[in-house]
Amino acid sequence: MNILIVDDEPGLAAGLAGWLEENGWGALGVATTSDEAVEWINRNGRVDVLVCDVAIEPADGFTLRESHSAASAKNADYLHFRL
């Protein structure tokens, strides 16, 4: 399962990634901007779960989900959050 975490707070993203890895989830990616997320999606070919902060730059989390560049993520499950 490919899980991508997108958050502009690297410590929060790394902490969540660490927790997921400790609990048996693999194939994790972490991005701090929507541009990095699109690069990760294009490089890895597929995202099963996208955990995404709504307030990221340059595009917000909802725009990232709908992005044509992130077409391979369109069928992923999403968890949007705002802290």
Protein backbone atom coordinates (compact mmCIF):
# COMPACT_ATOMS: atom_id res chain seq x y z
CA MET A 1 0.00 0.00 0.00
CA ASN A 2 1.38 3.41 -0.98
CA ILE A 3 0.69 6.09 1.62
CA LEU A 4 1.66 9.70 1.02
CA ILE A 5 1.71 12.21 3.88
CA VAL A 6 1.64 15.87 2.87
CA ASP A 7 2.18 18.53 5.52
CA ASP A 8 4.15 21.76 5.63
CA GLU A 9 5.26 20.95 9.18
CA PRO A 10 8.06 18.40 8.65
CA GLY A 11 8.10 17.30 12.29
CA LEU A 12 4.41 16.43 12.27
CA ALA A 13 4.71 14.56 8.96
CA ALA A 14 7.79 12.65 10.15
CA GLY A 15 6.09 11.75 13.43
CA LEU A 16 3.03 10.39 11.63
CA ALA A 17 5.24 8.48 9.17
CA GLY A 18 7.20 6.97 12.06
CA TRP A 19 4.05 5.91 13.85
CA LEU A 20 2.65 4.30 10.69
CA GLU A 21 5.91 2.43 10.05
CA GLU A 22 6.03 1.20 13.66
CA ASN A 23 2.51 -0.16 13.20
CA GLY A 24 3.19 -2.15 10.07
CA TRP A 25 2.34 0.27 7.28
CA GLY A 26 4.89 0.48 4.51
CA ALA A 27 5.72 2.33 1.30
CA LEU A 28 5.46 5.73 2.93
CA GLY A 29 6.21 9.01 1.27
CA VAL A 30 6.41 12.42 2.92
CA ALA A 31 6.08 15.74 1.12
CA THR A 32 6.09 19.26 2.56
CA THR A 33 4.51 21.03 -0.44
CA SER A 34 1.92 20.15 -3.03
CA ASP A 35 4.65 20.29 -5.69
CA GLU A 36 6.70 17.69 -3.79
CA ALA A 37 3.58 15.56 -3.47
CA VAL A 38 2.98 15.62 -7.23
CA GLU A 39 6.63 14.68 -7.82
CA TRP A 40 6.30 11.74 -5.40
CA ILE A 41 3.06 10.59 -7.07
CA ASN A 42 4.60 10.81 -10.54
CA ARG A 43 7.75 8.96 -9.41
CA ASN A 44 5.92 6.17 -7.53
CA GLY A 45 3.03 5.76 -9.93
CA ARG A 46 0.24 5.27 -7.46
CA VAL A 47 -1.14 6.43 -4.13
CA ASP A 48 -3.56 4.29 -2.14
CA VAL A 49 -3.99 6.71 0.78
CA LEU A 50 -3.26 10.44 0.78
CA VAL A 51 -3.02 12.05 4.23
CA CYS A 52 -2.95 15.74 3.46
CA ASP A 53 -2.99 19.03 5.31
CA VAL A 54 -5.59 21.29 3.72
CA ALA A 55 -3.45 24.42 4.13
CA ILE A 56 -0.31 23.64 2.11
CA GLU A 57 1.42 25.61 -0.61
CA PRO A 58 1.43 26.33 -3.47
CA ALA A 59 -1.88 24.48 -3.95
CA ASP A 60 -4.15 23.52 -1.07
CA GLY A 61 -4.92 19.90 -0.24
CA PHE A 62 -8.23 19.87 -2.11
CA THR A 63 -6.58 21.24 -5.24
CA LEU A 64 -3.84 18.65 -4.95
CA ARG A 65 -6.44 15.89 -4.87
CA GLU A 66 -8.12 17.22 -7.99
CA SER A 67 -4.89 18.08 -9.80
CA HIS A 68 -4.49 16.68 -13.28
CA SER A 69 -0.82 16.17 -12.46
CA ALA A 70 -1.86 13.88 -9.62
CA ALA A 71 -4.18 11.80 -11.80
CA SER A 72 -2.75 8.55 -10.44
CA ALA A 73 -4.00 9.57 -6.98
CA LYS A 74 -7.60 10.17 -8.05
CA ASN A 75 -8.72 6.73 -6.88
CA ALA A 76 -6.92 6.96 -3.54
CA ASP A 77 -8.60 7.24 -0.17
CA TYR A 78 -8.11 10.69 1.37
CA LEU A 79 -7.75 12.09 4.84
CA HIS A 80 -7.62 15.89 4.85
CA PHE A 81 -6.79 17.74 8.02
CA ARG A 82 -6.10 21.20 9.33
CA LEU A 83 -4.22 21.80 12.56
